[in-house]
Amino acid sequence: MHCCANIVFSTGIAPAVLGLLIDAGFDFRVILVGMLAFIIFGWLLAQRPIAASQLSQ
């Protein structure tokens, strides 16, 4: 259950962080590149557990 709480917290805090970055004057393209970097990093982190689960089947 601890993991689910982190997911709920992160989806709740994301709009506030995005608003703060826009208010601080960050270019929206810079914010998008940062989001893309987080998505790629998360995808890379997920590859090992996905491969391990496919090998065990």
PDB file of N, CA and C in Angstrom:
ATOM      1  N   MET A   1       0.807  -1.208   0.000  1.00  0.00           N
ATOM      2  CA  MET A   1       0.000   0.000   0.000  1.00  0.00           C
ATOM      3  C   MET A   1       0.848   1.271   0.000  1.00  0.00           C
ATOM      4  N   HIS A   2       2.065   1.177   0.488  1.00  0.00           N
ATOM      5  CA  HIS A   2       2.923   2.353   0.560  1.00  0.00           C
ATOM      6  C   HIS A   2       3.188   2.917  -0.834  1.00  0.00           C
ATOM      7  N   CYS A   3       3.360   2.039  -1.811  1.00  0.00           N
ATOM      8  CA  CYS A   3       3.615   2.458  -3.185  1.00  0.00           C
ATOM      9  C   CYS A   3       2.427   3.242  -3.750  1.00  0.00           C
ATOM     10  N   CYS A   4       1.235   2.789  -3.469  1.00  0.00           N
ATOM     11  CA  CYS A   4       0.043   3.469  -3.995  1.00  0.00           C
ATOM     12  C   CYS A   4      -0.079   4.879  -3.438  1.00  0.00           C
ATOM     13  N   ALA A   5       0.291   5.058  -2.193  1.00  0.00           N
ATOM     14  CA  ALA A   5       0.241   6.400  -1.601  1.00  0.00           C
ATOM     15  C   ALA A   5       1.203   7.340  -2.317  1.00  0.00           C
ATOM     16  N   ASN A   6       2.379   6.838  -2.698  1.00  0.00           N
ATOM     17  CA  ASN A   6       3.342   7.668  -3.428  1.00  0.00           C
ATOM     18  C   ASN A   6       2.803   8.057  -4.803  1.00  0.00           C
ATOM     19  N   ILE A   7       2.126   7.132  -5.451  1.00  0.00           N
ATOM     20  CA  ILE A   7       1.568   7.421  -6.770  1.00  0.00           C
ATOM     21  C   ILE A   7       0.492   8.499  -6.664  1.00  0.00           C
ATOM     22  N   VAL A   8      -0.372   8.374  -5.684  1.00  0.00           N
ATOM     23  CA  VAL A   8      -1.431   9.364  -5.493  1.00  0.00           C
ATOM     24  C   VAL A   8      -0.829  10.727  -5.162  1.00  0.00           C
ATOM     25  N   PHE A   9       0.172  10.745  -4.303  1.00  0.00           N
ATOM     26  CA  PHE A   9       0.824  12.005  -3.938  1.00  0.00           C
ATOM     27  C   PHE A   9       1.475  12.657  -5.155  1.00  0.00           C
ATOM     28  N   SER A  10       2.189  11.854  -5.958  1.00  0.00           N
ATOM     29  CA  SER A  10       2.901  12.434  -7.102  1.00  0.00           C
ATOM     30  C   SER A  10       1.938  12.979  -8.148  1.00  0.00           C
ATOM     31  N   THR A  11       0.810  12.308  -8.372  1.00  0.00           N
ATOM     32  CA  THR A  11      -0.143  12.837  -9.348  1.00  0.00           C
ATOM     33  C   THR A  11      -0.873  14.062  -8.802  1.00  0.00           C
ATOM     34  N   GLY A  12      -0.984  14.162  -7.505  1.00  0.00           N
ATOM     35  CA  GLY A  12      -1.617  15.336  -6.918  1.00  0.00           C
ATOM     36  C   GLY A  12      -0.706  16.551  -6.887  1.00  0.00           C
ATOM     37  N   ILE A  13       0.587  16.323  -6.715  1.00  0.00           N
ATOM     38  CA  ILE A  13       1.524  17.439  -6.582  1.00  0.00           C
ATOM     39  C   ILE A  13       1.999  17.953  -7.947  1.00  0.00           C
ATOM     40  N   ALA A  14       1.890  17.137  -8.994  1.00  0.00           N
ATOM     41  CA  ALA A  14       2.407  17.507 -10.314  1.00  0.00           C
ATOM     42  C   ALA A  14       1.798  18.801 -10.868  1.00  0.00           C
ATOM     43  N   PRO A  15       0.481  19.003 -10.810  1.00  0.00           N
ATOM     44  CA  PRO A  15      -0.063  20.271 -11.339  1.00  0.00           C
ATOM     45  C   PRO A  15       0.453  21.496 -10.585  1.00  0.00           C
ATOM     46  N   ALA A  16       0.647  21.363  -9.289  1.00  0.00           N
ATOM     47  CA  ALA A  16       1.160  22.493  -8.511  1.00  0.00           C
ATOM     48  C   ALA A  16       2.597  22.814  -8.905  1.00  0.00           C
ATOM     49  N   VAL A  17       3.406  21.793  -9.081  1.00  0.00           N
ATOM     50  CA  VAL A  17       4.799  22.009  -9.482  1.00  0.00           C
ATOM     51  C   VAL A  17       4.845  22.624 -10.882  1.00  0.00           C
ATOM     52  N   LEU A  18       4.016  22.129 -11.784  1.00  0.00           N
ATOM     53  CA  LEU A  18       3.964  22.686 -13.137  1.00  0.00           C
ATOM     54  C   LEU A  18       3.575  24.171 -13.086  1.00  0.00           C
ATOM     55  N   GLY A  19       2.590  24.497 -12.271  1.00  0.00           N
ATOM     56  CA  GLY A  19       2.184  25.892 -12.133  1.00  0.00           C
ATOM     57  C   GLY A  19       3.293  26.765 -11.581  1.00  0.00           C
ATOM     58  N   LEU A  20       4.019  26.267 -10.594  1.00  0.00           N
ATOM     59  CA  LEU A  20       5.136  27.031 -10.032  1.00  0.00           C
ATOM     60  C   LEU A  20       6.235  27.257 -11.062  1.00  0.00           C
ATOM     61  N   LEU A  21       6.514  26.232 -11.868  1.00  0.00           N
ATOM     62  CA  LEU A  21       7.546  26.388 -12.897  1.00  0.00           C
ATOM     63  C   LEU A  21       7.128  27.417 -13.943  1.00  0.00           C
ATOM     64  N   ILE A  22       5.867  27.395 -14.341  1.00  0.00           N
ATOM     65  CA  ILE A  22       5.377  28.375 -15.317  1.00  0.00           C
ATOM     66  C   ILE A  22       5.408  29.776 -14.718  1.00  0.00           C
ATOM     67  N   ASP A  23       4.968  29.908 -13.460  1.00  0.00           N
ATOM     68  CA  ASP A  23       4.994  31.216 -12.798  1.00  0.00           C
ATOM     69  C   ASP A  23       6.413  31.744 -12.617  1.00  0.00           C
ATOM     70  N   ALA A  24       7.376  30.821 -12.458  1.00  0.00           N
ATOM     71  CA  ALA A  24       8.768  31.231 -12.276  1.00  0.00           C
ATOM     72  C   ALA A  24       9.412  31.667 -13.583  1.00  0.00           C
ATOM     73  N   GLY A  25       8.702  31.471 -14.701  1.00  0.00           N
ATOM     74  CA  GLY A  25       9.213  31.955 -15.970  1.00  0.00           C
ATOM     75  C   GLY A  25       9.931  30.915 -16.815  1.00  0.00           C
ATOM     76  N   PHE A  26       9.862  29.655 -16.437  1.00  0.00           N
ATOM     77  CA  PHE A  26      10.486  28.619 -17.255  1.00  0.00           C
ATOM     78  C   PHE A  26       9.728  28.480 -18.570  1.00  0.00           C
ATOM     79  N   ASP A  27      10.480  28.335 -19.639  1.00  0.00           N
ATOM     80  CA  ASP A  27       9.872  28.128 -20.946  1.00  0.00           C
ATOM     81  C   ASP A  27       9.173  26.770 -20.955  1.00  0.00           C
ATOM     82  N   PHE A  28       8.004  26.717 -21.561  1.00  0.00           N
ATOM     83  CA  PHE A  28       7.219  25.489 -21.540  1.00  0.00           C
ATOM     84  C   PHE A  28       7.954  24.346 -22.240  1.00  0.00           C
ATOM     85  N   ARG A  29       8.771  24.663 -23.236  1.00  0.00           N
ATOM     86  CA  ARG A  29       9.545  23.609 -23.917  1.00  0.00           C
ATOM     87  C   ARG A  29      10.563  22.986 -22.991  1.00  0.00           C
ATOM     88  N   VAL A  30      11.152  23.781 -22.114  1.00  0.00           N
ATOM     89  CA  VAL A  30      12.104  23.251 -21.135  1.00  0.00           C
ATOM     90  C   VAL A  30      11.393  22.303 -20.168  1.00  0.00           C
ATOM     91  N   ILE A  31      10.199  22.674 -19.763  1.00  0.00           N
ATOM     92  CA  ILE A  31       9.411  21.826 -18.872  1.00  0.00           C
ATOM     93  C   ILE A  31       9.063  20.521 -19.576  1.00  0.00           C
ATOM     94  N   LEU A  32       8.676  20.587 -20.846  1.00  0.00           N
ATOM     95  CA  LEU A  32       8.352  19.380 -21.598  1.00  0.00           C
ATOM     96  C   LEU A  32       9.554  18.455 -21.758  1.00  0.00           C
ATOM     97  N   VAL A  33      10.727  19.028 -22.011  1.00  0.00           N
ATOM     98  CA  VAL A  33      11.939  18.213 -22.121  1.00  0.00           C
ATOM     99  C   VAL A  33      12.231  17.528 -20.785  1.00  0.00           C
ATOM    100  N   GLY A  34      12.027  18.228 -19.688  1.00  0.00           N
ATOM    101  CA  GLY A  34      12.219  17.619 -18.370  1.00  0.00           C
ATOM    102  C   GLY A  34      11.241  16.481 -18.129  1.00  0.00           C
ATOM    103  N   MET A  35       9.989  16.680 -18.533  1.00  0.00           N
ATOM    104  CA  MET A  35       8.992  15.615 -18.389  1.00  0.00           C
ATOM    105  C   MET A  35       9.358  14.409 -19.240  1.00  0.00           C
ATOM    106  N   LEU A  36       9.825  14.667 -20.456  1.00  0.00           N
ATOM    107  CA  LEU A  36      10.236  13.575 -21.333  1.00  0.00           C
ATOM    108  C   LEU A  36      11.412  12.812 -20.725  1.00  0.00           C
ATOM    109  N   ALA A  37      12.344  13.519 -20.114  1.00  0.00           N
ATOM    110  CA  ALA A  37      13.482  12.862 -19.470  1.00  0.00           C
ATOM    111  C   ALA A  37      13.011  11.957 -18.331  1.00  0.00           C
ATOM    112  N   PHE A  38      12.038  12.408 -17.543  1.00  0.00           N
ATOM    113  CA  PHE A  38      11.507  11.574 -16.458  1.00  0.00           C
ATOM    114  C   PHE A  38      10.797  10.340 -17.000  1.00  0.00           C
ATOM    115  N   ILE A  39      10.075  10.497 -18.100  1.00  0.00           N
ATOM    116  CA  ILE A  39       9.385   9.352 -18.701  1.00  0.00           C
ATOM    117  C   ILE A  39      10.395   8.330 -19.202  1.00  0.00           C
ATOM    118  N   ILE A  40      11.432   8.777 -19.884  1.00  0.00           N
ATOM    119  CA  ILE A  40      12.451   7.859 -20.393  1.00  0.00           C
ATOM    120  C   ILE A  40      13.178   7.175 -19.246  1.00  0.00           C
ATOM    121  N   PHE A  41      13.505   7.925 -18.203  1.00  0.00           N
ATOM    122  CA  PHE A  41      14.176   7.351 -17.046  1.00  0.00           C
ATOM    123  C   PHE A  41      13.303   6.284 -16.375  1.00  0.00           C
ATOM    124  N   GLY A  42      12.026   6.571 -16.226  1.00  0.00           N
ATOM    125  CA  GLY A  42      11.109   5.592 -15.642  1.00  0.00           C
ATOM    126  C   GLY A  42      10.966   4.362 -16.507  1.00  0.00           C
ATOM    127  N   TRP A  43      10.932   4.555 -17.817  1.00  0.00           N
ATOM    128  CA  TRP A  43      10.838   3.429 -18.747  1.00  0.00           C
ATOM    129  C   TRP A  43      12.079   2.549 -18.641  1.00  0.00           C
ATOM    130  N   LEU A  44      13.243   3.187 -18.561  1.00  0.00           N
ATOM    131  CA  LEU A  44      14.481   2.422 -18.412  1.00  0.00           C
ATOM    132  C   LEU A  44      14.509   1.650 -17.099  1.00  0.00           C
ATOM    133  N   LEU A  45      14.058   2.267 -16.023  1.00  0.00           N
ATOM    134  CA  LEU A  45      14.019   1.574 -14.734  1.00  0.00           C
ATOM    135  C   LEU A  45      13.059   0.387 -14.752  1.00  0.00           C
ATOM    136  N   ALA A  46      12.015   0.464 -15.550  1.00  0.00           N
ATOM    137  CA  ALA A  46      11.009  -0.606 -15.588  1.00  0.00           C
ATOM    138  C   ALA A  46      11.445  -1.802 -16.417  1.00  0.00           C
ATOM    139  N   GLN A  47      12.471  -1.669 -17.232  1.00  0.00           N
ATOM    140  CA  GLN A  47      12.839  -2.744 -18.141  1.00  0.00           C
ATOM    141  C   GLN A  47      13.322  -4.002 -17.416  1.00  0.00           C
ATOM    142  N   ARG A  48      14.098  -3.857 -16.352  1.00  0.00           N
ATOM    143  CA  ARG A  48      14.605  -5.041 -15.636  1.00  0.00           C
ATOM    144  C   ARG A  48      13.477  -5.831 -14.983  1.00  0.00           C
ATOM    145  N   PRO A  49      12.558  -5.214 -14.233  1.00  0.00           N
ATOM    146  CA  PRO A  49      11.457  -6.000 -13.666  1.00  0.00           C
ATOM    147  C   PRO A  49      10.560  -6.626 -14.727  1.00  0.00           C
ATOM    148  N   ILE A  50      10.349  -5.933 -15.836  1.00  0.00           N
ATOM    149  CA  ILE A  50       9.523  -6.502 -16.907  1.00  0.00           C
ATOM    150  C   ILE A  50      10.204  -7.739 -17.489  1.00  0.00           C
ATOM    151  N   ALA A  51      11.494  -7.641 -17.761  1.00  0.00           N
ATOM    152  CA  ALA A  51      12.228  -8.788 -18.311  1.00  0.00           C
ATOM    153  C   ALA A  51      12.251  -9.945 -17.325  1.00  0.00           C
ATOM    154  N   ALA A  52      12.422  -9.654 -16.039  1.00  0.00           N
ATOM    155  CA  ALA A  52      12.447 -10.717 -15.032  1.00  0.00           C
ATOM    156  C   ALA A  52      11.093 -11.400 -14.932  1.00  0.00           C
ATOM    157  N   SER A  53      10.013 -10.660 -15.040  1.00  0.00           N
ATOM    158  CA  SER A  53       8.693 -11.273 -14.941  1.00  0.00           C
ATOM    159  C   SER A  53       8.381 -12.119 -16.178  1.00  0.00           C
ATOM    160  N   GLN A  54       8.910 -11.726 -17.325  1.00  0.00           N
ATOM    161  CA  GLN A  54       8.678 -12.513 -18.532  1.00  0.00           C
ATOM    162  C   GLN A  54       9.504 -13.800 -18.519  1.00  0.00           C
ATOM    163  N   LEU A  55      10.681 -13.784 -17.897  1.00  0.00           N
ATOM    164  CA  LEU A  55      11.504 -14.977 -17.812  1.00  0.00           C
ATOM    165  C   LEU A  55      10.925 -16.002 -16.854  1.00  0.00           C
ATOM    166  N   SER A  56      10.237 -15.516 -15.827  1.00  0.00           N
ATOM    167  CA  SER A  56       9.690 -16.423 -14.820  1.00  0.00           C
ATOM    168  C   SER A  56       8.393 -17.094 -15.273  1.00  0.00           C
ATOM    169  N   GLN A  57       7.834 -16.659 -16.382  1.00  0.00           N
ATOM    170  CA  GLN A  57       6.571 -17.250 -16.846  1.00  0.00           C
ATOM    171  C   GLN A  57       6.786 -18.457 -17.705  1.00  0.00           C
TER     172      GLN A  57
END
